[in-house]
Amino acid sequence: MSDRPNILFITSDQQHWDTLGATNPEISTPHLDRLASEGMRCHRAY
């Protein structure tokens, strides 16, 4: 068995930063919000 972590990198093209419930409470994106809360978010990935 490998001791290296499993890494899943999810990115989308042309999605504005405030179109997720994790950054905008007016939008409902429960599955993406859960990924954001349990994982790592890159705030300045250009």
PDB file of N, CA and C in Angstrom:
ATOM      1  N   MET A   1       0.848  -1.188   0.000  1.00  0.00           N
ATOM      2  CA  MET A   1       0.000   0.000   0.000  1.00  0.00           C
ATOM      3  C   MET A   1       0.888   1.244   0.000  1.00  0.00           C
ATOM      4  N   SER A   2       0.427   2.230  -0.707  1.00  0.00           N
ATOM      5  CA  SER A   2       1.163   3.489  -0.794  1.00  0.00           C
ATOM      6  C   SER A   2       0.751   4.428   0.334  1.00  0.00           C
ATOM      7  N   ASP A   3       1.717   5.161   0.882  1.00  0.00           N
ATOM      8  CA  ASP A   3       1.426   6.148   1.921  1.00  0.00           C
ATOM      9  C   ASP A   3       1.154   7.528   1.338  1.00  0.00           C
ATOM     10  N   ARG A   4       1.193   7.644   0.021  1.00  0.00           N
ATOM     11  CA  ARG A   4       0.944   8.938  -0.612  1.00  0.00           C
ATOM     12  C   ARG A   4      -0.556   9.254  -0.581  1.00  0.00           C
ATOM     13  N   PRO A   5      -0.918  10.518  -0.433  1.00  0.00           N
ATOM     14  CA  PRO A   5      -2.344  10.879  -0.379  1.00  0.00           C
ATOM     15  C   PRO A   5      -2.995  10.800  -1.756  1.00  0.00           C
ATOM     16  N   ASN A   6      -4.291  10.579  -1.756  1.00  0.00           N
ATOM     17  CA  ASN A   6      -5.068  10.653  -2.987  1.00  0.00           C
ATOM     18  C   ASN A   6      -5.408  12.115  -3.233  1.00  0.00           C
ATOM     19  N   ILE A   7      -5.150  12.591  -4.427  1.00  0.00           N
ATOM     20  CA  ILE A   7      -5.411  13.989  -4.764  1.00  0.00           C
ATOM     21  C   ILE A   7      -6.360  14.051  -5.949  1.00  0.00           C
ATOM     22  N   LEU A   8      -7.422  14.808  -5.793  1.00  0.00           N
ATOM     23  CA  LEU A   8      -8.383  15.055  -6.864  1.00  0.00           C
ATOM     24  C   LEU A   8      -8.435  16.554  -7.080  1.00  0.00           C
ATOM     25  N   PHE A   9      -8.071  17.002  -8.261  1.00  0.00           N
ATOM     26  CA  PHE A   9      -8.025  18.425  -8.581  1.00  0.00           C
ATOM     27  C   PHE A   9      -9.201  18.732  -9.486  1.00  0.00           C
ATOM     28  N   ILE A  10     -10.146  19.546  -9.005  1.00  0.00           N
ATOM     29  CA  ILE A  10     -11.340  19.906  -9.774  1.00  0.00           C
ATOM     30  C   ILE A  10     -11.239  21.369 -10.155  1.00  0.00           C
ATOM     31  N   THR A  11     -11.419  21.653 -11.428  1.00  0.00           N
ATOM     32  CA  THR A  11     -11.399  23.032 -11.898  1.00  0.00           C
ATOM     33  C   THR A  11     -12.484  23.210 -12.954  1.00  0.00           C
ATOM     34  N   SER A  12     -12.957  24.413 -13.088  1.00  0.00           N
ATOM     35  CA  SER A  12     -13.940  24.705 -14.134  1.00  0.00           C
ATOM     36  C   SER A  12     -13.479  25.933 -14.908  1.00  0.00           C
ATOM     37  N   ASP A  13     -13.879  26.011 -16.135  1.00  0.00           N
ATOM     38  CA  ASP A  13     -13.475  27.100 -17.006  1.00  0.00           C
ATOM     39  C   ASP A  13     -14.534  28.199 -16.969  1.00  0.00           C
ATOM     40  N   GLN A  14     -14.116  29.414 -16.783  1.00  0.00           N
ATOM     41  CA  GLN A  14     -14.966  30.601 -16.825  1.00  0.00           C
ATOM     42  C   GLN A  14     -16.055  30.599 -15.752  1.00  0.00           C
ATOM     43  N   GLN A  15     -15.741  30.133 -14.569  1.00  0.00           N
ATOM     44  CA  GLN A  15     -16.682  30.189 -13.453  1.00  0.00           C
ATOM     45  C   GLN A  15     -16.241  31.301 -12.520  1.00  0.00           C
ATOM     46  N   HIS A  16     -17.139  32.214 -12.246  1.00  0.00           N
ATOM     47  CA  HIS A  16     -16.824  33.346 -11.372  1.00  0.00           C
ATOM     48  C   HIS A  16     -16.722  32.854  -9.934  1.00  0.00           C
ATOM     49  N   TRP A  17     -15.874  33.497  -9.142  1.00  0.00           N
ATOM     50  CA  TRP A  17     -15.597  33.051  -7.768  1.00  0.00           C
ATOM     51  C   TRP A  17     -16.829  33.046  -6.873  1.00  0.00           C
ATOM     52  N   ASP A  18     -17.815  33.896  -7.147  1.00  0.00           N
ATOM     53  CA  ASP A  18     -18.973  33.968  -6.246  1.00  0.00           C
ATOM     54  C   ASP A  18     -20.182  33.182  -6.758  1.00  0.00           C
ATOM     55  N   THR A  19     -19.949  32.190  -7.621  1.00  0.00           N
ATOM     56  CA  THR A  19     -21.049  31.366  -8.112  1.00  0.00           C
ATOM     57  C   THR A  19     -21.110  30.016  -7.406  1.00  0.00           C
ATOM     58  N   LEU A  20     -20.577  29.956  -6.205  1.00  0.00           N
ATOM     59  CA  LEU A  20     -20.655  28.765  -5.361  1.00  0.00           C
ATOM     60  C   LEU A  20     -21.267  29.150  -4.023  1.00  0.00           C
ATOM     61  N   GLY A  21     -22.009  28.255  -3.442  1.00  0.00           N
ATOM     62  CA  GLY A  21     -22.588  28.525  -2.137  1.00  0.00           C
ATOM     63  C   GLY A  21     -21.539  28.740  -1.058  1.00  0.00           C
ATOM     64  N   ALA A  22     -20.340  28.192  -1.249  1.00  0.00           N
ATOM     65  CA  ALA A  22     -19.264  28.362  -0.264  1.00  0.00           C
ATOM     66  C   ALA A  22     -18.811  29.809  -0.165  1.00  0.00           C
ATOM     67  N   THR A  23     -19.038  30.592  -1.215  1.00  0.00           N
ATOM     68  CA  THR A  23     -18.631  32.001  -1.211  1.00  0.00           C
ATOM     69  C   THR A  23     -19.806  32.955  -1.352  1.00  0.00           C
ATOM     70  N   ASN A  24     -20.996  32.432  -1.630  1.00  0.00           N
ATOM     71  CA  ASN A  24     -22.178  33.267  -1.816  1.00  0.00           C
ATOM     72  C   ASN A  24     -23.390  32.530  -1.237  1.00  0.00           C
ATOM     73  N   PRO A  25     -23.909  32.946  -0.090  1.00  0.00           N
ATOM     74  CA  PRO A  25     -25.011  32.227   0.561  1.00  0.00           C
ATOM     75  C   PRO A  25     -26.330  32.258  -0.211  1.00  0.00           C
ATOM     76  N   GLU A  26     -26.437  33.087  -1.234  1.00  0.00           N
ATOM     77  CA  GLU A  26     -27.665  33.142  -2.030  1.00  0.00           C
ATOM     78  C   GLU A  26     -27.745  32.014  -3.058  1.00  0.00           C
ATOM     79  N   ILE A  27     -26.661  31.287  -3.245  1.00  0.00           N
ATOM     80  CA  ILE A  27     -26.598  30.225  -4.245  1.00  0.00           C
ATOM     81  C   ILE A  27     -26.520  28.881  -3.537  1.00  0.00           C
ATOM     82  N   SER A  28     -27.275  27.899  -4.049  1.00  0.00           N
ATOM     83  CA  SER A  28     -27.284  26.566  -3.452  1.00  0.00           C
ATOM     84  C   SER A  28     -26.478  25.597  -4.320  1.00  0.00           C
ATOM     85  N   THR A  29     -25.309  25.224  -3.834  1.00  0.00           N
ATOM     86  CA  THR A  29     -24.469  24.214  -4.491  1.00  0.00           C
ATOM     87  C   THR A  29     -23.960  23.252  -3.412  1.00  0.00           C
ATOM     88  N   PRO A  30     -24.853  22.440  -2.843  1.00  0.00           N
ATOM     89  CA  PRO A  30     -24.490  21.649  -1.666  1.00  0.00           C
ATOM     90  C   PRO A  30     -23.335  20.671  -1.884  1.00  0.00           C
ATOM     91  N   HIS A  31     -23.262  20.040  -3.026  1.00  0.00           N
ATOM     92  CA  HIS A  31     -22.200  19.056  -3.247  1.00  0.00           C
ATOM     93  C   HIS A  31     -20.842  19.733  -3.395  1.00  0.00           C
ATOM     94  N   LEU A  32     -20.795  20.818  -4.152  1.00  0.00           N
ATOM     95  CA  LEU A  32     -19.542  21.561  -4.294  1.00  0.00           C
ATOM     96  C   LEU A  32     -19.148  22.223  -2.977  1.00  0.00           C
ATOM     97  N   ASP A  33     -20.133  22.677  -2.212  1.00  0.00           N
ATOM     98  CA  ASP A  33     -19.847  23.282  -0.905  1.00  0.00           C
ATOM     99  C   ASP A  33     -19.230  22.255   0.047  1.00  0.00           C
ATOM    100  N   ARG A  34     -19.716  21.030  -0.015  1.00  0.00           N
ATOM    101  CA  ARG A  34     -19.154  19.983   0.845  1.00  0.00           C
ATOM    102  C   ARG A  34     -17.714  19.678   0.445  1.00  0.00           C
ATOM    103  N   LEU A  35     -17.462  19.613  -0.858  1.00  0.00           N
ATOM    104  CA  LEU A  35     -16.084  19.413  -1.313  1.00  0.00           C
ATOM    105  C   LEU A  35     -15.189  20.550  -0.832  1.00  0.00           C
ATOM    106  N   ALA A  36     -15.700  21.772  -0.901  1.00  0.00           N
ATOM    107  CA  ALA A  36     -14.916  22.938  -0.476  1.00  0.00           C
ATOM    108  C   ALA A  36     -14.641  22.909   1.025  1.00  0.00           C
ATOM    109  N   SER A  37     -15.616  22.459   1.814  1.00  0.00           N
ATOM    110  CA  SER A  37     -15.433  22.462   3.269  1.00  0.00           C
ATOM    111  C   SER A  37     -14.533  21.325   3.750  1.00  0.00           C
ATOM    112  N   GLU A  38     -14.531  20.203   3.030  1.00  0.00           N
ATOM    113  CA  GLU A  38     -13.734  19.052   3.455  1.00  0.00           C
ATOM    114  C   GLU A  38     -12.371  18.988   2.771  1.00  0.00           C
ATOM    115  N   GLY A  39     -12.182  19.816   1.776  1.00  0.00           N
ATOM    116  CA  GLY A  39     -10.924  19.785   1.034  1.00  0.00           C
ATOM    117  C   GLY A  39     -10.168  21.094   1.154  1.00  0.00           C
ATOM    118  N   MET A  40      -9.486  21.438   0.093  1.00  0.00           N
ATOM    119  CA  MET A  40      -8.688  22.658   0.056  1.00  0.00           C
ATOM    120  C   MET A  40      -9.166  23.517  -1.104  1.00  0.00           C
ATOM    121  N   ARG A  41      -9.326  24.810  -0.850  1.00  0.00           N
ATOM    122  CA  ARG A  41      -9.715  25.750  -1.905  1.00  0.00           C
ATOM    123  C   ARG A  41      -8.531  26.640  -2.231  1.00  0.00           C
ATOM    124  N   CYS A  42      -8.306  26.851  -3.508  1.00  0.00           N
ATOM    125  CA  CYS A  42      -7.245  27.759  -3.963  1.00  0.00           C
ATOM    126  C   CYS A  42      -7.889  29.108  -4.254  1.00  0.00           C
ATOM    127  N   HIS A  43      -7.531  30.106  -3.487  1.00  0.00           N
ATOM    128  CA  HIS A  43      -8.157  31.418  -3.623  1.00  0.00           C
ATOM    129  C   HIS A  43      -7.547  32.265  -4.730  1.00  0.00           C
ATOM    130  N   ARG A  44      -6.334  31.956  -5.123  1.00  0.00           N
ATOM    131  CA  ARG A  44      -5.679  32.735  -6.178  1.00  0.00           C
ATOM    132  C   ARG A  44      -5.054  31.808  -7.218  1.00  0.00           C
ATOM    133  N   ALA A  45      -5.871  30.990  -7.824  1.00  0.00           N
ATOM    134  CA  ALA A  45      -5.389  30.085  -8.872  1.00  0.00           C
ATOM    135  C   ALA A  45      -5.771  30.672 -10.224  1.00  0.00           C
ATOM    136  N   TYR A  46      -4.802  31.278 -10.869  1.00  0.00           N
ATOM    137  CA  TYR A  46      -5.067  31.940 -12.156  1.00  0.00           C
ATOM    138  C   TYR A  46      -4.553  31.099 -13.294  1.00  0.00           C
TER     139      TYR A  46
END
